[in-house]
Protein backbone atom coordinates (compact mmCIF):
# COMPACT_ATOMS: atom_id res chain seq x y z
CA UNK A 1 -0.03 -0.11 0.08
CA UNK A 2 2.84 2.24 0.74
CA UNK A 3 4.34 1.79 -2.77
CA UNK A 4 0.95 2.54 -4.29
CA UNK A 5 0.56 5.82 -2.25
CA UNK A 6 4.17 6.76 -3.28
CA UNK A 7 3.51 6.31 -7.01
CA UNK A 8 0.17 7.99 -6.90
CA UNK A 9 1.72 11.03 -5.24
CA UNK A 10 4.63 11.37 -7.66
CA UNK A 11 2.13 10.93 -10.60
CA UNK A 12 0.02 13.66 -9.30
CA UNK A 13 2.90 15.90 -8.82
CA UNK A 14 4.07 15.21 -12.26
CA UNK A 15 0.47 15.49 -13.69
CA UNK A 16 0.04 19.12 -11.99
CA UNK A 17 3.46 20.30 -12.61
CA UNK A 18 3.53 19.45 -16.27
CA UNK A 19 0.17 20.98 -17.11
CA UNK A 20 1.41 23.96 -15.30
CA UNK A 21 4.48 24.17 -17.24
CA UNK A 22 2.41 23.95 -20.43
CA UNK A 23 0.09 26.65 -19.43
CA UNK A 24 3.28 28.91 -18.47
CA UNK A 25 4.98 28.01 -21.99
CA UNK A 26 2.00 27.87 -24.36
CA UNK A 27 -0.79 29.57 -22.54
CA UNK A 28 -3.07 26.47 -22.46
CA UNK A 29 -2.96 22.67 -22.11
CA UNK A 30 -4.71 19.53 -22.84
CA UNK A 31 -5.88 16.91 -20.37
CA UNK A 32 -3.61 14.40 -22.13
CA UNK A 33 -0.56 16.42 -21.23
CA UNK A 34 -1.55 15.95 -17.48
CA UNK A 35 -1.70 12.24 -18.02
CA UNK A 36 1.61 12.39 -20.10
CA UNK A 37 3.25 14.53 -17.27
CA UNK A 38 2.31 12.15 -14.49
CA UNK A 39 3.91 9.02 -16.32
CA UNK A 40 6.81 11.18 -17.26
CA UNK A 41 7.70 12.16 -13.76
CA UNK A 42 7.09 8.91 -12.16
CA UNK A 43 9.44 7.30 -14.62
CA UNK A 44 11.92 10.21 -14.05
CA UNK A 45 11.51 9.54 -10.19
CA UNK A 46 12.34 5.94 -10.48
CA UNK A 47 15.20 6.55 -12.85
CA UNK A 48 16.74 9.14 -10.59
CA UNK A 49 16.53 6.79 -7.55
CA UNK A 50 18.11 3.92 -9.56
CA UNK A 51 20.85 6.19 -10.93
CA UNK A 52 21.35 8.10 -7.84
CA UNK A 53 25.07 7.50 -7.68
CA UNK A 54 25.56 8.65 -11.58
CA UNK A 55 26.65 12.25 -12.32
CA UNK A 56 23.79 14.75 -12.89
CA UNK A 57 24.19 14.90 -16.65
CA UNK A 58 23.79 11.25 -17.06
CA UNK A 59 20.62 11.51 -15.00
CA UNK A 60 19.69 14.38 -17.22
CA UNK A 61 20.51 12.76 -20.40
CA UNK A 62 18.27 9.64 -19.37
CA UNK A 63 15.50 12.01 -18.24
CA UNK A 64 15.52 13.87 -21.38
CA UNK A 65 15.51 10.39 -23.40
CA UNK A 66 12.53 9.12 -21.15
CA UNK A 67 10.38 12.21 -21.73
CA UNK A 68 11.23 12.54 -25.47
CA UNK A 69 10.28 8.82 -25.85
CA UNK A 70 7.12 9.20 -23.89
CA UNK A 71 6.11 12.37 -25.74
CA UNK A 72 6.67 10.69 -28.99
CA UNK A 73 4.52 7.70 -28.27
CA UNK A 74 1.70 10.02 -26.80
CA UNK A 75 1.98 12.27 -29.76
CA UNK A 76 1.63 9.19 -32.13
CA UNK A 77 -1.48 8.03 -30.55
CA UNK A 78 -3.19 11.46 -29.69
CA UNK A 79 -1.98 13.47 -32.76
CA UNK A 80 -1.46 10.75 -35.42
CA UNK A 81 -3.91 8.06 -34.57
CA UNK A 82 -6.81 10.01 -32.85
CA UNK A 83 -6.12 13.40 -34.87
CA UNK A 84 -6.69 15.47 -31.82
CA UNK A 85 -3.71 17.84 -32.87
CA UNK A 86 -2.71 18.61 -29.33
CA UNK A 87 0.76 19.62 -30.73
CA UNK A 88 2.77 19.84 -33.83
CA UNK A 89 6.49 20.24 -34.18
CA UNK A 90 6.59 19.68 -37.85
CA UNK A 91 7.91 23.11 -38.51
CA UNK A 92 10.74 22.79 -35.94
CA UNK A 93 14.11 21.75 -36.95
CA UNK A 94 15.33 18.15 -36.20
CA UNK A 95 11.49 16.83 -35.55
CA UNK A 96 10.71 13.31 -35.73
CA UNK A 97 7.17 12.99 -37.40
CA UNK A 98 6.34 16.54 -35.73
CA UNK A 99 5.79 14.69 -32.52
CA UNK A 100 9.32 15.54 -30.93
CA UNK A 101 12.07 17.77 -31.71
CA UNK A 102 15.69 18.43 -30.64
CA UNK A 103 15.01 21.76 -29.30
CA UNK A 104 12.52 20.30 -26.53
CA UNK A 105 14.79 17.26 -25.94
CA UNK A 106 17.49 19.66 -25.13
CA UNK A 107 15.20 21.76 -22.82
CA UNK A 108 14.10 18.65 -20.98
CA UNK A 109 17.71 17.78 -20.32
CA UNK A 110 18.00 21.17 -18.39
CA UNK A 111 14.57 20.62 -16.90
CA UNK A 112 15.66 17.29 -15.64
CA UNK A 113 18.29 19.09 -13.26
CA UNK A 114 15.80 20.58 -10.78
CA UNK A 115 13.55 17.40 -11.38
CA UNK A 116 16.43 15.12 -10.15
CA UNK A 117 16.79 17.29 -7.06
CA UNK A 118 13.01 17.22 -6.51
CA UNK A 119 12.85 13.51 -6.80
CA UNK A 120 15.58 13.14 -4.26
CA UNK A 121 14.01 15.62 -1.82
CA UNK A 122 10.61 13.82 -2.13
CA UNK A 123 11.94 10.46 -1.66
CA UNK A 124 13.93 11.32 1.46
CA UNK A 125 11.39 13.52 3.08
CA UNK A 126 8.18 11.65 2.31
CA UNK A 127 8.89 7.89 1.30
CA UNK A 128 11.98 6.72 2.91
């Protein structure tokens, strides 16, 4: 039961945080971004715990790859398959099917720095 509570808490923090970032960045969000954010932060949280002894840059590189991968899968579902057109990066340089692009992968690398710290704080203060 303790692990379920931990996972739900981390998911909720990620869901709310990701949606908030979207609103700050684009001025709006979509409910699928909340779901995506929860999944992303839960994966980042677990990855940061497993890679705790690794240098920060390695954790950030892994985090950026995780978020980019999840966003690609979600984009293929909500934008390509369901045609909801939640986002479109096709006009961005170095994009993959308009679902992800290099610029946002690099931004996620840097955003993973405070998220790595937040993961550690949450784990040590709330779930240890």
